[in-house]
C-alpha atoms as a PDB file:
ATOM      1  CA  MET A   1       7.952 -16.137 -49.164  1.00  0.00           C
ATOM      2  CA  TYR A   2      10.437 -14.165 -46.908  1.00  0.00           C
ATOM      3  CA  LYS A   3       9.686 -16.435 -44.064  1.00  0.00           C
ATOM      4  CA  ARG A   4      10.531 -19.593 -46.288  1.00  0.00           C
ATOM      5  CA  ARG A   5      13.716 -17.774 -47.517  1.00  0.00           C
ATOM      6  CA  ARG A   6      14.888 -17.213 -43.919  1.00  0.00           C
ATOM      7  CA  ILE A   7      14.094 -20.888 -42.981  1.00  0.00           C
ATOM      8  CA  TYR A   8      16.070 -21.979 -46.080  1.00  0.00           C
ATOM      9  CA  ALA A   9      19.048 -19.560 -45.139  1.00  0.00           C
ATOM     10  CA  TRP A  10      19.461 -20.802 -41.597  1.00  0.00           C
ATOM     11  CA  GLY A  11      18.846 -24.306 -42.693  1.00  0.00           C
ATOM     12  CA  VAL A  12      21.942 -24.004 -44.992  1.00  0.00           C
ATOM     13  CA  ILE A  13      24.134 -22.330 -42.400  1.00  0.00           C
ATOM     14  CA  VAL A  14      23.268 -24.615 -39.515  1.00  0.00           C
ATOM     15  CA  GLY A  15      23.455 -27.630 -41.914  1.00  0.00           C
ATOM     16  CA  ILE A  16      26.974 -26.875 -43.152  1.00  0.00           C
ATOM     17  CA  SER A  17      27.952 -26.109 -39.492  1.00  0.00           C
ATOM     18  CA  THR A  18      26.602 -29.321 -38.309  1.00  0.00           C
ATOM     19  CA  ILE A  19      28.219 -31.334 -40.984  1.00  0.00           C
ATOM     20  CA  SER A  20      31.586 -29.473 -40.374  1.00  0.00           C
ATOM     21  CA  PHE A  21      31.260 -30.375 -36.647  1.00  0.00           C
ATOM     22  CA  PHE A  22      30.699 -34.133 -37.224  1.00  0.00           C
ATOM     23  CA  ILE A  23      33.372 -34.345 -39.953  1.00  0.00           C
ATOM     24  CA  SER A  24      35.940 -32.757 -37.482  1.00  0.00           C
ATOM     25  CA  GLU A  25      35.005 -35.780 -35.055  1.00  0.00           C
ATOM     26  CA  ILE A  26      36.337 -38.246 -37.610  1.00  0.00           C
ATOM     27  CA  PRO A  27      39.249 -39.876 -35.806  1.00  0.00           C
ATOM     28  CA  LEU A  28      41.910 -39.186 -38.504  1.00  0.00           C
ATOM     29  CA  LEU A  29      40.945 -35.516 -38.541  1.00  0.00           C
ATOM     30  CA  LYS A  30      40.681 -35.345 -34.782  1.00  0.00           C
ATOM     31  CA  SER A  31      44.153 -36.704 -34.555  1.00  0.00           C
ATOM     32  CA  LEU A  32      45.413 -34.073 -36.789  1.00  0.00           C
ATOM     33  CA  ALA A  33      43.584 -31.439 -34.558  1.00  0.00           C
ATOM     34  CA  ILE A  34      41.621 -30.004 -37.662  1.00  0.00           C
ATOM     35  CA  SER A  35      39.028 -27.920 -36.044  1.00  0.00           C
ATOM     36  CA  PRO A  36      35.345 -27.589 -37.186  1.00  0.00           C
ATOM     37  CA  LEU A  37      36.053 -23.838 -37.835  1.00  0.00           C
ATOM     38  CA  ILE A  38      38.460 -24.611 -40.516  1.00  0.00           C
ATOM     39  CA  ILE A  39      36.255 -27.075 -42.144  1.00  0.00           C
ATOM     40  CA  ALA A  40      33.320 -24.780 -41.938  1.00  0.00           C
ATOM     41  CA  VAL A  41      35.257 -21.955 -43.876  1.00  0.00           C
ATOM     42  CA  ILE A  42      36.165 -24.505 -46.644  1.00  0.00           C
ATOM     43  CA  PHE A  43      32.533 -25.750 -46.982  1.00  0.00           C
ATOM     44  CA  GLY A  44      31.151 -22.352 -46.731  1.00  0.00           C
ATOM     45  CA  SER A  45      33.411 -21.133 -49.536  1.00  0.00           C
ATOM     46  CA  VAL A  46      32.509 -24.152 -51.794  1.00  0.00           C
ATOM     47  CA  TYR A  47      28.766 -23.406 -51.259  1.00  0.00           C
ATOM     48  CA  GLY A  48      29.301 -19.697 -51.962  1.00  0.00           C
ATOM     49  CA  ASN A  49      31.105 -20.338 -55.238  1.00  0.00           C
ATOM     50  CA  THR A  50      28.550 -22.956 -56.446  1.00  0.00           C
ATOM     51  CA  ALA A  51      25.225 -22.067 -55.155  1.00  0.00           C
ATOM     52  CA  LYS A  52      24.773 -18.562 -56.676  1.00  0.00           C
ATOM     53  CA  ILE A  53      21.010 -18.281 -56.109  1.00  0.00           C
ATOM     54  CA  GLY A  54      21.130 -19.709 -52.566  1.00  0.00           C
ATOM     55  CA  THR A  55      24.010 -17.404 -51.624  1.00  0.00           C
ATOM     56  CA  LYS A  56      21.937 -14.405 -52.837  1.00  0.00           C
ATOM     57  CA  ILE A  57      19.015 -15.608 -50.444  1.00  0.00           C
ATOM     58  CA  LEU A  58      21.392 -15.859 -47.548  1.00  0.00           C
ATOM     59  CA  TYR A  59      22.528 -12.258 -48.031  1.00  0.00           C
ATOM     60  CA  LYS A  60      19.043 -10.820 -48.588  1.00  0.00           C
ATOM     61  CA  THR A  61      17.696 -12.453 -45.440  1.00  0.00           C
ATOM     62  CA  LYS A  62      20.646 -10.986 -43.615  1.00  0.00           C
ATOM     63  CA  SER A  63      21.726 -14.506 -42.306  1.00  0.00           C
ATOM     64  CA  ILE A  64      25.196 -13.936 -43.165  1.00  0.00           C
ATOM     65  CA  ALA A  65      25.358 -10.482 -41.354  1.00  0.00           C
ATOM     66  CA  ILE A  66      23.918 -12.109 -38.159  1.00  0.00           C
ATOM     67  CA  SER A  67      26.292 -15.062 -38.361  1.00  0.00           C
ATOM     68  CA  THR A  68      29.396 -12.987 -38.706  1.00  0.00           C
ATOM     69  CA  LYS A  69      28.461 -10.257 -36.138  1.00  0.00           C
ATOM     70  CA  GLN A  70      26.037 -11.209 -33.320  1.00  0.00           C
ATOM     71  CA  ILE A  71      26.480 -15.011 -33.274  1.00  0.00           C
ATOM     72  CA  LEU A  72      30.342 -14.408 -33.822  1.00  0.00           C
ATOM     73  CA  ARG A  73      30.634 -12.072 -30.717  1.00  0.00           C
ATOM     74  CA  LEU A  74      28.607 -14.297 -28.431  1.00  0.00           C
ATOM     75  CA  GLY A  75      31.006 -17.157 -29.549  1.00  0.00           C
ATOM     76  CA  ILE A  76      34.041 -15.049 -28.578  1.00  0.00           C
ATOM     77  CA  ILE A  77      32.372 -14.226 -25.132  1.00  0.00           C
ATOM     78  CA  LEU A  78      31.786 -17.865 -24.492  1.00  0.00           C
ATOM     79  CA  TYR A  79      35.321 -18.599 -25.356  1.00  0.00           C
ATOM     80  CA  GLY A  80      36.324 -16.951 -22.091  1.00  0.00           C
ATOM     81  CA  PHE A  81      34.762 -19.840 -20.013  1.00  0.00           C
ATOM     82  CA  ARG A  82      37.839 -21.913 -21.244  1.00  0.00           C
ATOM     83  CA  ILE A  83      40.175 -20.097 -18.912  1.00  0.00           C
ATOM     84  CA  THR A  84      40.218 -20.119 -15.166  1.00  0.00           C
ATOM     85  CA  PHE A  85      42.184 -18.505 -12.270  1.00  0.00           C
ATOM     86  CA  SER A  86      43.675 -21.893 -11.431  1.00  0.00           C
ATOM     87  CA  ASP A  87      45.034 -22.218 -14.998  1.00  0.00           C
ATOM     88  CA  ILE A  88      46.686 -18.788 -14.667  1.00  0.00           C
ATOM     89  CA  ALA A  89      48.133 -19.690 -11.256  1.00  0.00           C
ATOM     90  CA  PHE A  90      49.599 -22.912 -12.448  1.00  0.00           C
ATOM     91  CA  VAL A  91      52.033 -21.046 -14.805  1.00  0.00           C
ATOM     92  CA  GLY A  92      52.338 -18.012 -12.638  1.00  0.00           C
ATOM     93  CA  VAL A  93      53.523 -14.540 -13.603  1.00  0.00           C
ATOM     94  CA  ASN A  94      56.099 -15.861 -16.083  1.00  0.00           C
ATOM     95  CA  GLY A  95      53.221 -17.610 -17.986  1.00  0.00           C
ATOM     96  CA  ILE A  96      51.152 -14.373 -18.227  1.00  0.00           C
ATOM     97  CA  LEU A  97      54.310 -12.385 -19.283  1.00  0.00           C
ATOM     98  CA  MET A  98      55.039 -15.127 -21.967  1.00  0.00           C
ATOM     99  CA  ALA A  99      51.559 -14.700 -23.356  1.00  0.00           C
ATOM    100  CA  PHE A 100      51.717 -10.960 -23.249  1.00  0.00           C
ATOM    101  CA  VAL A 101      55.034 -10.586 -24.880  1.00  0.00           C
ATOM    102  CA  MET A 102      54.372 -13.184 -27.682  1.00  0.00           C
ATOM    103  CA  VAL A 103      50.899 -11.626 -28.508  1.00  0.00           C
ATOM    104  CA  PHE A 104      52.060  -7.916 -28.684  1.00  0.00           C
ATOM    105  CA  SER A 105      55.520  -8.420 -30.087  1.00  0.00           C
ATOM    106  CA  THR A 106      54.225 -10.809 -32.813  1.00  0.00           C
ATOM    107  CA  PHE A 107      51.547  -8.399 -33.883  1.00  0.00           C
ATOM    108  CA  PHE A 108      53.913  -5.423 -33.853  1.00  0.00           C
ATOM    109  CA  VAL A 109      56.561  -7.250 -35.971  1.00  0.00           C
ATOM    110  CA  GLY A 110      53.647  -8.321 -38.317  1.00  0.00           C
ATOM    111  CA  PHE A 111      52.615  -4.758 -38.722  1.00  0.00           C
ATOM    112  CA  LEU A 112      56.205  -3.665 -39.552  1.00  0.00           C
ATOM    113  CA  ILE A 113      56.715  -6.511 -42.139  1.00  0.00           C
ATOM    114  CA  GLY A 114      53.270  -5.830 -43.714  1.00  0.00           C
ATOM    115  CA  LYS A 115      54.094  -2.205 -44.164  1.00  0.00           C
ATOM    116  CA  ALA A 116      57.578  -2.945 -45.631  1.00  0.00           C
ATOM    117  CA  LEU A 117      55.862  -5.341 -48.025  1.00  0.00           C
ATOM    118  CA  GLY A 118      53.306  -2.686 -48.989  1.00  0.00           C
ATOM    119  CA  LEU A 119      50.471  -4.923 -47.892  1.00  0.00           C
ATOM    120  CA  ASP A 120      47.199  -3.049 -46.987  1.00  0.00           C
ATOM    121  CA  THR A 121      46.589  -2.446 -43.297  1.00  0.00           C
ATOM    122  CA  LYS A 122      43.456  -4.554 -42.964  1.00  0.00           C
ATOM    123  CA  SER A 123      45.248  -7.692 -44.509  1.00  0.00           C
ATOM    124  CA  THR A 124      48.168  -7.090 -42.277  1.00  0.00           C
ATOM    125  CA  THR A 125      46.088  -6.752 -39.166  1.00  0.00           C
ATOM    126  CA  LEU A 126      44.026  -9.960 -39.786  1.00  0.00           C
ATOM    127  CA  ILE A 127      47.195 -12.100 -40.603  1.00  0.00           C
ATOM    128  CA  SER A 128      49.066 -10.716 -37.705  1.00  0.00           C
ATOM    129  CA  SER A 129      46.353 -11.253 -35.212  1.00  0.00           C
ATOM    130  CA  GLY A 130      45.820 -14.859 -36.380  1.00  0.00           C
ATOM    131  CA  SER A 131      49.484 -15.601 -35.882  1.00  0.00           C
ATOM    132  CA  SER A 132      49.854 -13.723 -32.586  1.00  0.00           C
ATOM    133  CA  ILE A 133      46.794 -14.584 -30.653  1.00  0.00           C
ATOM    134  CA  CYS A 134      44.526 -17.634 -31.463  1.00  0.00           C
ATOM    135  CA  GLY A 135      44.293 -18.324 -35.169  1.00  0.00           C
ATOM    136  CA  ALA A 136      41.058 -18.402 -36.786  1.00  0.00           C
ATOM    137  CA  ALA A 137      39.063 -17.083 -33.793  1.00  0.00           C
ATOM    138  CA  ALA A 138      41.316 -14.117 -33.517  1.00  0.00           C
ATOM    139  CA  VAL A 139      40.956 -13.470 -37.178  1.00  0.00           C
ATOM    140  CA  LEU A 140      37.176 -13.431 -36.834  1.00  0.00           C
ATOM    141  CA  ALA A 141      37.144 -11.207 -33.758  1.00  0.00           C
ATOM    142  CA  THR A 142      39.558  -8.806 -35.463  1.00  0.00           C
ATOM    143  CA  GLU A 143      37.510  -8.664 -38.684  1.00  0.00           C
ATOM    144  CA  SER A 144      34.505  -7.694 -36.653  1.00  0.00           C
ATOM    145  CA  MET A 145      36.605  -4.428 -35.671  1.00  0.00           C
ATOM    146  CA  THR A 146      38.446  -3.771 -39.019  1.00  0.00           C
ATOM    147  CA  LYS A 147      35.773  -4.737 -41.381  1.00  0.00           C
ATOM    148  CA  GLY A 148      38.310  -6.454 -43.614  1.00  0.00           C
ATOM    149  CA  GLY A 149      35.898  -8.526 -45.557  1.00  0.00           C
ATOM    150  CA  SER A 150      35.486 -12.035 -46.458  1.00  0.00           C
ATOM    151  CA  SER A 151      38.341 -12.178 -49.012  1.00  0.00           C
ATOM    152  CA  ARG A 152      40.900 -10.898 -46.500  1.00  0.00           C
ATOM    153  CA  VAL A 153      39.674 -13.185 -43.779  1.00  0.00           C
ATOM    154  CA  GLY A 154      39.854 -16.206 -46.170  1.00  0.00           C
ATOM    155  CA  VAL A 155      43.631 -15.445 -46.851  1.00  0.00           C
ATOM    156  CA  ALA A 156      44.334 -14.778 -43.209  1.00  0.00           C
ATOM    157  CA  VAL A 157      42.625 -18.167 -42.032  1.00  0.00           C
ATOM    158  CA  THR A 158      44.594 -20.106 -44.916  1.00  0.00           C
ATOM    159  CA  THR A 159      47.939 -18.779 -43.465  1.00  0.00           C
ATOM    160  CA  VAL A 160      46.875 -20.060 -39.977  1.00  0.00           C
ATOM    161  CA  VAL A 161      46.027 -23.474 -41.352  1.00  0.00           C
ATOM    162  CA  VAL A 162      49.032 -23.853 -43.453  1.00  0.00           C
ATOM    163  CA  PHE A 163      51.739 -22.666 -40.998  1.00  0.00           C
ATOM    164  CA  GLY A 164      50.037 -23.786 -37.864  1.00  0.00           C
ATOM    165  CA  THR A 165      49.375 -27.340 -39.061  1.00  0.00           C
ATOM    166  CA  ILE A 166      52.872 -27.641 -40.334  1.00  0.00           C
ATOM    167  CA  THR A 167      54.561 -26.630 -37.060  1.00  0.00           C
ATOM    168  CA  MET A 168      52.213 -28.615 -35.051  1.00  0.00           C
ATOM    169  CA  PHE A 169      53.810 -31.789 -36.598  1.00  0.00           C
ATOM    170  CA  ILE A 170      57.283 -30.401 -36.650  1.00  0.00           C
ATOM    171  CA  TYR A 171      57.824 -29.140 -33.161  1.00  0.00           C
ATOM    172  CA  PRO A 172      57.169 -32.359 -31.306  1.00  0.00           C
ATOM    173  CA  PHE A 173      59.432 -34.386 -33.816  1.00  0.00           C
ATOM    174  CA  VAL A 174      62.413 -31.908 -33.592  1.00  0.00           C
ATOM    175  CA  PHE A 175      61.971 -31.810 -29.710  1.00  0.00           C
ATOM    176  CA  LYS A 176      62.063 -35.689 -29.413  1.00  0.00           C
ATOM    177  CA  ILE A 177      65.136 -35.944 -31.491  1.00  0.00           C
ATOM    178  CA  GLY A 178      66.910 -33.378 -29.476  1.00  0.00           C
ATOM    179  CA  VAL A 179      67.019 -30.270 -31.825  1.00  0.00           C
ATOM    180  CA  LEU A 180      65.063 -28.157 -29.556  1.00  0.00           C
ATOM    181  CA  PRO A 181      67.174 -28.002 -26.248  1.00  0.00           C
ATOM    182  CA  PHE A 182      64.243 -27.510 -24.075  1.00  0.00           C
ATOM    183  CA  SER A 183      62.942 -29.032 -20.684  1.00  0.00           C
ATOM    184  CA  GLN A 184      59.545 -30.374 -20.403  1.00  0.00           C
ATOM    185  CA  LYS A 185      58.300 -27.018 -18.989  1.00  0.00           C
ATOM    186  CA  GLU A 186      60.198 -25.001 -21.494  1.00  0.00           C
ATOM    187  CA  ILE A 187      58.786 -26.925 -24.456  1.00  0.00           C
ATOM    188  CA  GLY A 188      55.253 -26.390 -22.976  1.00  0.00           C
ATOM    189  CA  PHE A 189      55.839 -22.612 -23.003  1.00  0.00           C
ATOM    190  CA  PHE A 190      57.170 -22.828 -26.552  1.00  0.00           C
ATOM    191  CA  LEU A 191      54.347 -24.819 -27.918  1.00  0.00           C
ATOM    192  CA  GLY A 192      51.659 -22.641 -26.247  1.00  0.00           C
ATOM    193  CA  GLY A 193      53.455 -19.388 -27.029  1.00  0.00           C
ATOM    194  CA  THR A 194      54.071 -20.027 -30.749  1.00  0.00           C
ATOM    195  CA  LEU A 195      51.537 -22.296 -32.335  1.00  0.00           C
ATOM    196  CA  HIS A 196      48.556 -20.646 -34.019  1.00  0.00           C
ATOM    197  CA  GLU A 197      45.402 -22.465 -33.113  1.00  0.00           C
ATOM    198  CA  VAL A 198      44.280 -23.740 -29.727  1.00  0.00           C
ATOM    199  CA  ALA A 199      43.841 -27.064 -31.523  1.00  0.00           C
ATOM    200  CA  HIS A 200      47.361 -26.864 -32.701  1.00  0.00           C
ATOM    201  CA  ALA A 201      48.598 -26.517 -29.151  1.00  0.00           C
ATOM    202  CA  VAL A 202      46.527 -29.297 -27.928  1.00  0.00           C
ATOM    203  CA  GLY A 203      47.719 -31.687 -30.667  1.00  0.00           C
ATOM    204  CA  ALA A 204      51.483 -30.781 -30.273  1.00  0.00           C
ATOM    205  CA  GLY A 205      51.249 -30.949 -26.595  1.00  0.00           C
ATOM    206  CA  ALA A 206      49.719 -34.478 -26.696  1.00  0.00           C
ATOM    207  CA  ALA A 207      52.462 -35.524 -28.921  1.00  0.00           C
ATOM    208  CA  VAL A 208      55.209 -34.385 -26.644  1.00  0.00           C
ATOM    209  CA  GLY A 209      53.317 -35.722 -23.532  1.00  0.00           C
ATOM    210  CA  GLY A 210      54.271 -35.206 -19.868  1.00  0.00           C
ATOM    211  CA  MET A 211      53.712 -31.882 -18.092  1.00  0.00           C
ATOM    212  CA  SER A 212      54.362 -30.080 -21.289  1.00  0.00           C
ATOM    213  CA  GLU A 213      50.862 -31.038 -22.477  1.00  0.00           C
ATOM    214  CA  GLN A 214      49.030 -29.126 -19.731  1.00  0.00           C
ATOM    215  CA  ILE A 215      51.418 -26.113 -19.839  1.00  0.00           C
ATOM    216  CA  SER A 216      51.181 -25.786 -23.575  1.00  0.00           C
ATOM    217  CA  ILE A 217      47.369 -25.485 -23.464  1.00  0.00           C
ATOM    218  CA  ILE A 218      47.400 -23.085 -20.503  1.00  0.00           C
ATOM    219  CA  ILE A 219      49.995 -20.757 -22.088  1.00  0.00           C
ATOM    220  CA  LYS A 220      47.921 -20.805 -25.286  1.00  0.00           C
ATOM    221  CA  MET A 221      44.702 -19.985 -23.535  1.00  0.00           C
ATOM    222  CA  LEU A 222      46.493 -17.017 -21.830  1.00  0.00           C
ATOM    223  CA  ARG A 223      47.337 -15.846 -25.243  1.00  0.00           C
ATOM    224  CA  VAL A 224      43.521 -16.143 -26.016  1.00  0.00           C
ATOM    225  CA  LEU A 225      43.019 -13.926 -22.971  1.00  0.00           C
ATOM    226  CA  MET A 226      45.101 -11.302 -24.417  1.00  0.00           C
ATOM    227  CA  LEU A 227      42.356 -10.909 -27.067  1.00  0.00           C
ATOM    228  CA  MET A 228      40.502  -8.556 -24.882  1.00  0.00           C
ATOM    229  CA  PRO A 229      43.159  -5.931 -24.339  1.00  0.00           C
ATOM    230  CA  PHE A 230      44.289  -6.416 -28.037  1.00  0.00           C
ATOM    231  CA  LEU A 231      40.711  -5.536 -29.333  1.00  0.00           C
ATOM    232  CA  ILE A 232      40.469  -2.506 -27.045  1.00  0.00           C
ATOM    233  CA  LEU A 233      43.854  -1.261 -28.294  1.00  0.00           C
ATOM    234  CA  LEU A 234      42.728  -1.897 -31.856  1.00  0.00           C
ATOM    235  CA  SER A 235      39.430  -0.025 -31.321  1.00  0.00           C
ATOM    236  CA  PHE A 236      41.412   3.122 -30.155  1.00  0.00           C
ATOM    237  CA  LEU A 237      43.792   2.807 -33.007  1.00  0.00           C
ATOM    238  CA  ASN A 238      40.864   2.512 -35.494  1.00  0.00           C
ATOM    239  CA  LYS A 239      38.812   5.087 -33.931  1.00  0.00           C
ATOM    240  CA  ASN A 240      36.862   7.212 -36.427  1.00  0.00           C
ATOM    241  CA  LYS A 241      36.526  10.930 -35.746  1.00  0.00           C
ATOM    242  CA  GLU A 242      32.790  10.630 -36.163  1.00  0.00           C
ATOM    243  CA  HIS A 243      32.570   8.234 -33.224  1.00  0.00           C
ATOM    244  CA  SER A 244      33.384   8.734 -29.529  1.00  0.00           C
ATOM    245  CA  ILE A 245      35.706   6.727 -27.450  1.00  0.00           C
ATOM    246  CA  LYS A 246      32.643   4.985 -25.912  1.00  0.00           C
ATOM    247  CA  ASP A 247      31.358   3.883 -29.340  1.00  0.00           C
ATOM    248  CA  SER A 248      34.919   2.414 -30.157  1.00  0.00           C
ATOM    249  CA  ILE A 249      34.956   0.083 -27.094  1.00  0.00           C
ATOM    250  CA  PRO A 250      34.435  -3.449 -28.132  1.00  0.00           C
ATOM    251  CA  TYR A 251      32.099  -4.553 -25.352  1.00  0.00           C
ATOM    252  CA  PHE A 252      31.930  -8.097 -26.373  1.00  0.00           C
ATOM    253  CA  ALA A 253      35.675  -8.260 -25.424  1.00  0.00           C
ATOM    254  CA  ILE A 254      34.823  -6.933 -21.854  1.00  0.00           C
ATOM    255  CA  TRP A 255      32.188  -9.641 -21.627  1.00  0.00           C
ATOM    256  CA  PHE A 256      34.817 -12.033 -22.544  1.00  0.00           C
ATOM    257  CA  ILE A 257      36.807 -11.147 -19.368  1.00  0.00           C
ATOM    258  CA  VAL A 258      33.432 -11.440 -17.313  1.00  0.00           C
ATOM    259  CA  ALA A 259      33.109 -15.047 -18.712  1.00  0.00           C
ATOM    260  CA  VAL A 260      36.557 -15.810 -17.529  1.00  0.00           C
ATOM    261  CA  VAL A 261      35.704 -14.598 -13.986  1.00  0.00           C
ATOM    262  CA  VAL A 262      32.326 -16.220 -13.819  1.00  0.00           C
ATOM    263  CA  GLY A 263      33.775 -19.557 -15.299  1.00  0.00           C
ATOM    264  CA  SER A 264      36.531 -19.595 -12.594  1.00  0.00           C
ATOM    265  CA  VAL A 265      33.977 -19.423  -9.720  1.00  0.00           C
ATOM    266  CA  MET A 266      30.839 -21.153 -10.945  1.00  0.00           C
ATOM    267  CA  PRO A 267      29.708 -24.151  -9.142  1.00  0.00           C
ATOM    268  CA  PHE A 268      29.502 -27.494 -11.057  1.00  0.00           C
ATOM    269  CA  ARG A 269      32.069 -26.207 -13.574  1.00  0.00           C
ATOM    270  CA  THR A 270      33.206 -29.612 -14.647  1.00  0.00           C
ATOM    271  CA  GLU A 271      29.668 -30.687 -15.453  1.00  0.00           C
ATOM    272  CA  ILE A 272      28.628 -27.480 -17.139  1.00  0.00           C
ATOM    273  CA  ILE A 273      31.588 -26.371 -19.092  1.00  0.00           C
ATOM    274  CA  PRO A 274      31.749 -29.106 -21.681  1.00  0.00           C
ATOM    275  CA  TYR A 275      28.238 -28.054 -22.813  1.00  0.00           C
ATOM    276  CA  ILE A 276      29.237 -24.263 -22.909  1.00  0.00           C
ATOM    277  CA  ASN A 277      32.376 -25.287 -24.945  1.00  0.00           C
ATOM    278  CA  PHE A 278      30.218 -27.219 -27.374  1.00  0.00           C
ATOM    279  CA  LEU A 279      27.793 -24.325 -27.776  1.00  0.00           C
ATOM    280  CA  ASP A 280      30.791 -21.859 -28.156  1.00  0.00           C
ATOM    281  CA  THR A 281      32.470 -23.977 -30.827  1.00  0.00           C
ATOM    282  CA  PHE A 282      29.168 -24.458 -32.837  1.00  0.00           C
ATOM    283  CA  MET A 283      28.597 -20.687 -32.696  1.00  0.00           C
ATOM    284  CA  LEU A 284      32.075 -19.948 -33.954  1.00  0.00           C
ATOM    285  CA  THR A 285      31.589 -22.520 -36.614  1.00  0.00           C
ATOM    286  CA  ILE A 286      28.328 -20.996 -37.748  1.00  0.00           C
ATOM    287  CA  ALA A 287      30.383 -17.681 -38.133  1.00  0.00           C
ATOM    288  CA  MET A 288      33.069 -19.214 -40.184  1.00  0.00           C
ATOM    289  CA  VAL A 289      30.306 -20.640 -42.575  1.00  0.00           C
ATOM    290  CA  GLY A 290      28.994 -17.158 -42.948  1.00  0.00           C
ATOM    291  CA  LEU A 291      32.506 -15.785 -43.780  1.00  0.00           C
ATOM    292  CA  GLY A 292      33.369 -18.750 -45.866  1.00  0.00           C
ATOM    293  CA  ILE A 293      30.403 -18.102 -48.224  1.00  0.00           C
ATOM    294  CA  GLY A 294      31.724 -14.611 -48.950  1.00  0.00           C
ATOM    295  CA  ILE A 295      35.106 -16.022 -50.084  1.00  0.00           C
ATOM    296  CA  ARG A 296      35.346 -15.907 -53.935  1.00  0.00           C
ATOM    297  CA  LYS A 297      37.524 -18.503 -55.710  1.00  0.00           C
ATOM    298  CA  ASP A 298      39.555 -15.690 -57.331  1.00  0.00           C
ATOM    299  CA  ILE A 299      40.679 -14.076 -54.042  1.00  0.00           C
ATOM    300  CA  PHE A 300      43.932 -16.128 -53.534  1.00  0.00           C
ATOM    301  CA  LYS A 301      45.184 -15.379 -57.010  1.00  0.00           C
ATOM    302  CA  SER A 302      44.392 -11.686 -56.445  1.00  0.00           C
ATOM    303  CA  ALA A 303      45.992 -11.704 -53.030  1.00  0.00           C
ATOM    304  CA  GLY A 304      49.410 -12.568 -54.532  1.00  0.00           C
ATOM    305  CA  LYS A 305      52.431 -13.628 -52.514  1.00  0.00           C
ATOM    306  CA  LYS A 306      52.615 -10.834 -49.968  1.00  0.00           C
ATOM    307  CA  PRO A 307      50.124 -12.320 -47.248  1.00  0.00           C
ATOM    308  CA  PHE A 308      52.020 -15.573 -47.263  1.00  0.00           C
ATOM    309  CA  ILE A 309      55.515 -13.919 -47.103  1.00  0.00           C
ATOM    310  CA  LEU A 310      54.117 -11.960 -44.010  1.00  0.00           C
ATOM    311  CA  ALA A 311      52.837 -15.155 -42.476  1.00  0.00           C
ATOM    312  CA  PHE A 312      56.128 -16.909 -43.012  1.00  0.00           C
ATOM    313  CA  GLY A 313      57.950 -13.906 -41.513  1.00  0.00           C
ATOM    314  CA  LEU A 314      55.784 -14.077 -38.428  1.00  0.00           C
ATOM    315  CA  LEU A 315      56.311 -17.916 -38.276  1.00  0.00           C
ATOM    316  CA  LEU A 316      60.244 -17.171 -38.183  1.00  0.00           C
ATOM    317  CA  TRP A 317      59.731 -14.466 -35.406  1.00  0.00           C
ATOM    318  CA  LEU A 318      57.578 -16.898 -33.387  1.00  0.00           C
ATOM    319  CA  ILE A 319      60.240 -19.673 -33.657  1.00  0.00           C
ATOM    320  CA  LEU A 320      63.242 -17.509 -32.825  1.00  0.00           C
ATOM    321  CA  PHE A 321      61.892 -15.086 -30.266  1.00  0.00           C
ATOM    322  CA  GLY A 322      59.518 -17.682 -28.818  1.00  0.00           C
ATOM    323  CA  GLY A 323      62.412 -20.001 -28.438  1.00  0.00           C
ATOM    324  CA  VAL A 324      64.483 -17.315 -26.389  1.00  0.00           C
ATOM    325  CA  ALA A 325      61.352 -16.324 -24.438  1.00  0.00           C
ATOM    326  CA  SER A 326      60.688 -19.888 -23.514  1.00  0.00           C
ATOM    327  CA  LYS A 327      64.263 -20.518 -22.094  1.00  0.00           C
ATOM    328  CA  ILE A 328      64.105 -17.310 -20.119  1.00  0.00           C
ATOM    329  CA  LEU A 329      60.496 -17.608 -18.869  1.00  0.00           C
ATOM    330  CA  GLY A 330      59.890 -21.404 -18.805  1.00  0.00           C
END
């Protein structure tokens, strides 16, 4: 009986993940840079709110726990293969500085705004990490450290989807009509330094075209690289007195850096990396399904306006400070 339940549980999770992956490949959705991670959390939430008995089976077989912990962390590690030393060299020290400044200043500003709003620390941390680093993937990684729960993750991911998607369309448009006084290099720095998801940077960079397309992706991936020092910092800030410093270190973040190093020097990179990226995206999609299943339909009503006010405040910071930083460093 237990074995059949486990087969059912993983069939549901992998099935929803596969459907999400194929739906994201629909030309219209692909042109809008809608990632399978976002689709997966929506489908997972629908399943969790409609299939009560099935959801209980998923929890009892610990499929949700494995999806949102072990599989998630392996997905974050594999994410490191997307960045290479040559990418970093292309944008130079200024690119690294841009990524560092945008990630940590945005998170710090988010923490201050959240505190001023009276928002709980876990929600503030999740929303701020999503805006400052790499959207849904950062929210997932941060949740594994803060234990914020599915409801907070759902709200945080929603802010990423809403504000990231809107700006992905607006930035290229206002640049082309001359509202943003940037060069091709500067707009690349701006897009990569301010957009929420990697997919958003890819979509906006492609819309602008030229050298900005490559630069925007590299700057965005450098922000992803900042996930490792960010998680280590977070682990020390959240260190429980009952645990040692050694217990608080997120070792999967260190393996993330190892993946960057290995991916930069590995032979036959061009042939191998697409398969690694596919596996990585699928693992993160599975993790998103697991988190989505735990999102109840009443969480957005109970969350109130504060999370979205925080996310909007962070968006303004990204635009204003990101614009200044792009002019100086780009």
